[in-house]
Structures are given as C-alpha cells and as structure tokens.
C-alpha cells in the first residue's frame, strides 16, 4: 500500500485519472483544430508536445495546447498538412483505380496498402518527435529511421490508429475524443524508443 500515489488535499481523483481527463480535453481541442484538414500534422504535433510535457511536470491542458499551437502555426506546418492531404487523396485515387477492375488490381492494391501504411506510420511518428515543432523535414527523416529500427513501435502505432478508427466508427461522437489517446500512444511509443537500450 505504501507504493500507491498519495492524493493532494482536495484532489477527488488520483493523478492517473487527472492525466486521462487532460488527455481527453487535449484530444477534443486537437479534433477541432484538425477540421480544416491541412492543420492535422500541426495539431497532432502540438498534442504530442503537450502530452510529452506532462511527463516533465508541465500541465497537459487544452489551454496549454492552444498556446503551443499558436506559437508554432506557420507556413511550414500548413505545407506539411497540404502534402499529407495530397498523399491521402492520391492513395484514395489509387485504391479507386484498383477497385475499377484493372488488370493486376489485387497486387496493385496490396502494394498501395503497404506503401500507405508505411507512409502513415512515418507521418504519425514524425508528429511525436520534438523536431516537428520547428523542422518537419528533420522530423520525417528521424521518424523514418525510427520506423525501420523499431518495428515493434511501428506496429504499436498502427494498432493505436486502428483502435482509434474502430472507436470512431463504432460511436461517431468518439471521433472528437480519439485524437487525445492517439497522441498519447504516439508519445508513449517515442518515449519507449528513447529509453530502449542502444537508442
């Protein structure tokens, strides 16, 4: 019993429940910020930065999230969002072509799905890297290296994304909350890699 965390005076829930509530508020703020679509990378990067700061004793609140986002929304972030949006549209167009019954469509669809999954993992891992706050190309390069040398972490990223999509599909209002747990999962995978031996 002595190892259990002690609640502060007046604290109704323990620190883990507080972090959970903060994560949901950051997720809701992230979902609202993602609505223009080109802001998705900046929004996810800011959410990961705020949740990473929670491990260093900084508050993980929606107010801090918007403060971080306001300081960093710049042309490079919008360009990263435009590239991500163009990549997603190209991927959907490729799958539509494969579904049209072209020769070799099953193989083409499989290859396209593999490339899309790899690009998604690298993009999401880039959002979790601290470099994404100032330099997207460096964040993407480091995320690509991380994806190759930490295959288990990449699988965890895909699993977290699949869980987020499944939750949003099962109950549509949850779509406004899933960015928080997804950002927390991305941050945890990044922190996990940083503390692994030999990293």
Protein backbone atom coordinates (compact mmCIF):
# COMPACT_ATOMS: atom_id res chain seq x y z
CA UNK A 1 0.00 0.00 0.00
CA UNK A 2 2.93 2.35 0.64
CA UNK A 3 3.79 2.39 -3.09
CA UNK A 4 0.43 3.91 -4.08
CA UNK A 5 0.46 7.59 -5.08
CA UNK A 6 -0.92 9.97 -2.46
CA UNK A 7 -3.69 12.35 -3.46
CA UNK A 8 -3.20 16.05 -2.93
CA UNK A 9 -5.62 17.75 -0.48
CA UNK A 10 -8.88 18.42 -2.29
CA UNK A 11 -8.00 16.12 -5.20
CA UNK A 12 -11.01 13.93 -6.00
CA UNK A 13 -9.24 11.55 -8.34
CA UNK A 14 -5.67 10.28 -8.46
CA UNK A 15 -3.01 11.64 -10.83
CA UNK A 16 -3.68 8.97 -13.46
CA UNK A 17 -7.33 9.95 -13.72
CA UNK A 18 -6.31 13.60 -13.97
CA UNK A 19 -3.95 12.78 -16.86
CA UNK A 20 -6.76 10.81 -18.52
CA UNK A 21 -9.13 13.78 -18.28
CA UNK A 22 -6.43 16.17 -19.53
CA UNK A 23 -5.69 13.82 -22.44
CA UNK A 24 -9.38 13.86 -23.43
CA UNK A 25 -9.52 17.67 -23.30
CA UNK A 26 -6.36 17.87 -25.44
CA UNK A 27 -7.95 15.32 -27.80
CA UNK A 28 -11.08 17.42 -28.15
CA UNK A 29 -9.00 20.54 -28.84
CA UNK A 30 -6.97 18.58 -31.39
CA UNK A 31 -10.10 17.31 -33.15
CA UNK A 32 -11.43 20.85 -33.51
CA UNK A 33 -8.06 22.06 -34.81
CA UNK A 34 -7.94 19.20 -37.36
CA UNK A 35 -11.22 20.22 -39.02
CA UNK A 36 -9.56 22.31 -41.80
CA UNK A 37 -7.57 19.12 -42.69
CA UNK A 38 -4.36 20.97 -43.63
CA UNK A 39 -3.81 21.58 -39.92
CA UNK A 40 -3.74 17.87 -39.00
CA UNK A 41 0.07 17.47 -38.71
CA UNK A 42 0.48 20.67 -36.67
CA UNK A 43 -2.47 19.72 -34.44
CA UNK A 44 -1.15 16.21 -33.73
CA UNK A 45 2.38 17.50 -33.21
CA UNK A 46 1.17 20.08 -30.69
CA UNK A 47 -0.89 17.42 -28.87
CA UNK A 48 2.15 15.14 -28.62
CA UNK A 49 4.28 18.03 -27.36
CA UNK A 50 1.75 18.88 -24.64
CA UNK A 51 1.39 15.26 -23.54
CA UNK A 52 5.17 14.78 -23.62
CA UNK A 53 5.43 17.82 -21.34
CA UNK A 54 3.09 16.14 -18.85
CA UNK A 55 5.88 13.66 -18.15
CA UNK A 56 8.12 16.61 -17.27
CA UNK A 57 5.64 18.13 -14.82
CA UNK A 58 4.05 20.65 -17.21
CA UNK A 59 0.25 20.94 -17.35
CA UNK A 60 -1.47 18.97 -20.10
CA UNK A 61 -4.49 21.19 -20.60
CA UNK A 62 -6.42 22.47 -23.59
CA UNK A 63 -5.22 25.99 -22.72
CA UNK A 64 -1.58 24.94 -22.92
CA UNK A 65 -2.36 23.05 -26.14
CA UNK A 66 -3.71 26.20 -27.82
CA UNK A 67 -0.74 28.20 -26.51
CA UNK A 68 1.69 25.70 -28.09
CA UNK A 69 -0.32 25.64 -31.30
CA UNK A 70 -0.50 29.43 -31.54
CA UNK A 71 3.30 29.72 -31.21
CA UNK A 72 4.00 27.20 -33.93
CA UNK A 73 1.35 27.52 -36.67
CA UNK A 74 3.41 28.71 -39.62
CA UNK A 75 3.72 28.21 -43.36
CA UNK A 76 5.81 25.04 -42.92
CA UNK A 77 3.06 23.43 -40.85
CA UNK A 78 0.42 24.24 -43.44
CA UNK A 79 2.72 22.93 -46.20
CA UNK A 80 3.16 19.68 -44.25
CA UNK A 81 -0.62 19.47 -43.98
CA UNK A 82 -1.05 20.08 -47.70
CA UNK A 83 1.48 17.33 -48.51
CA UNK A 84 -0.28 14.91 -46.15
CA UNK A 85 -3.68 15.75 -47.64
CA UNK A 86 -2.37 15.33 -51.20
CA UNK A 87 -0.85 11.97 -50.24
CA UNK A 88 -4.14 10.79 -48.74
CA UNK A 89 -6.09 11.84 -51.85
CA UNK A 90 -3.56 10.10 -54.11
CA UNK A 91 -3.85 6.94 -52.02
CA UNK A 92 -7.66 7.00 -52.25
CA UNK A 93 -7.46 7.57 -56.02
CA UNK A 94 -5.11 4.59 -56.36
CA UNK A 95 -7.49 2.37 -54.40
CA UNK A 96 -10.40 3.57 -56.54
CA UNK A 97 -8.45 2.63 -59.67
CA UNK A 98 -7.66 -0.78 -58.20
CA UNK A 99 -11.35 -1.28 -57.44
CA UNK A 100 -12.28 -0.46 -61.04
CA UNK A 101 -11.19 -3.92 -62.18
CA UNK A 102 -7.93 -3.04 -63.92
CA UNK A 103 -5.54 -5.92 -64.72
CA UNK A 104 -3.31 -6.72 -61.74
CA UNK A 105 -5.61 -4.81 -59.39
CA UNK A 106 -5.22 -7.16 -56.37
CA UNK A 107 -1.42 -6.91 -56.44
CA UNK A 108 -1.58 -3.16 -57.04
CA UNK A 109 -4.00 -2.72 -54.12
CA UNK A 110 -1.75 -4.77 -51.83
CA UNK A 111 1.36 -2.77 -52.76
CA UNK A 112 -0.54 0.53 -52.42
CA UNK A 113 -1.85 -0.51 -48.99
CA UNK A 114 1.68 -1.40 -47.85
CA UNK A 115 3.10 1.92 -49.06
CA UNK A 116 0.18 3.80 -47.49
CA UNK A 117 0.64 2.05 -44.14
CA UNK A 118 4.38 2.79 -44.14
CA UNK A 119 3.77 6.46 -45.01
CA UNK A 120 1.13 6.71 -42.28
CA UNK A 121 3.47 5.23 -39.66
CA UNK A 122 6.29 7.60 -40.62
CA UNK A 123 3.93 10.59 -40.64
CA UNK A 124 2.45 9.76 -37.24
CA UNK A 125 5.85 9.04 -35.71
CA UNK A 126 7.07 12.38 -37.11
CA UNK A 127 4.27 14.15 -35.22
CA UNK A 128 5.53 12.62 -31.96
CA UNK A 129 9.12 13.81 -32.47
CA UNK A 130 10.20 17.09 -30.82
CA UNK A 131 11.73 18.21 -34.14
CA UNK A 132 8.23 18.52 -35.62
CA UNK A 133 7.74 21.70 -33.61
CA UNK A 134 10.37 23.51 -35.67
CA UNK A 135 11.56 21.38 -38.62
CA UNK A 136 9.23 18.95 -40.41
CA UNK A 137 11.84 17.52 -42.86
CA UNK A 138 14.13 16.59 -39.95
CA UNK A 139 11.20 15.07 -38.04
CA UNK A 140 10.20 12.96 -41.04
CA UNK A 141 13.80 11.76 -41.60
CA UNK A 142 14.17 10.75 -37.95
CA UNK A 143 10.72 9.15 -37.92
CA UNK A 144 11.64 7.05 -40.98
CA UNK A 145 14.77 5.85 -39.16
CA UNK A 146 12.69 5.11 -36.06
CA UNK A 147 10.15 3.16 -38.11
CA UNK A 148 12.88 0.91 -39.52
CA UNK A 149 14.88 0.30 -36.34
CA UNK A 150 11.82 -0.03 -34.08
CA UNK A 151 9.43 -2.31 -35.96
CA UNK A 152 7.58 -3.16 -32.74
CA UNK A 153 6.90 0.52 -32.13
CA UNK A 154 5.66 0.91 -35.70
CA UNK A 155 3.27 -1.99 -35.12
CA UNK A 156 2.05 -0.26 -31.95
CA UNK A 157 1.43 2.93 -33.94
CA UNK A 158 -0.67 1.01 -36.47
CA UNK A 159 -2.54 -0.74 -33.65
CA UNK A 160 -3.26 2.60 -31.94
CA UNK A 161 -4.50 4.07 -35.23
CA UNK A 162 -6.69 1.02 -35.93
CA UNK A 163 -8.16 1.28 -32.41
CA UNK A 164 -8.88 5.00 -32.88
CA UNK A 165 -10.58 4.37 -36.24
CA UNK A 166 -12.60 1.48 -34.82
CA UNK A 167 -13.77 3.57 -31.84
CA UNK A 168 -14.79 6.44 -34.13
CA UNK A 169 -16.58 4.03 -36.48
CA UNK A 170 -18.48 2.29 -33.66
CA UNK A 171 -19.60 5.52 -31.99
CA UNK A 172 -19.26 8.63 -34.18
CA UNK A 173 -19.14 11.18 -31.31
CA UNK A 174 -15.95 9.45 -30.11
CA UNK A 175 -14.24 10.79 -33.24
CA UNK A 176 -13.85 14.09 -31.37
CA UNK A 177 -12.05 12.37 -28.48
CA UNK A 178 -9.80 9.80 -30.21
CA UNK A 179 -7.02 12.27 -31.18
CA UNK A 180 -6.08 12.51 -27.49
CA UNK A 181 -5.50 8.78 -26.90
CA UNK A 182 -3.84 8.52 -30.33
CA UNK A 183 -1.44 11.38 -29.47
CA UNK A 184 -0.75 9.75 -26.09
CA UNK A 185 0.03 6.43 -27.82
CA UNK A 186 2.37 8.15 -30.31
CA UNK A 187 4.14 9.95 -27.48
CA UNK A 188 4.46 6.72 -25.48
CA UNK A 189 5.99 4.92 -28.48
CA UNK A 190 8.50 7.76 -28.91
CA UNK A 191 9.40 7.79 -25.19
CA UNK A 192 9.66 3.98 -25.25
CA UNK A 193 12.20 4.16 -28.07
CA UNK A 194 14.18 6.89 -26.29
CA UNK A 195 14.65 4.73 -23.16
CA UNK A 196 15.38 1.48 -25.01
CA UNK A 197 18.98 0.27 -24.64
CA UNK A 198 21.14 1.21 -27.62
CA UNK A 199 18.87 4.04 -28.79
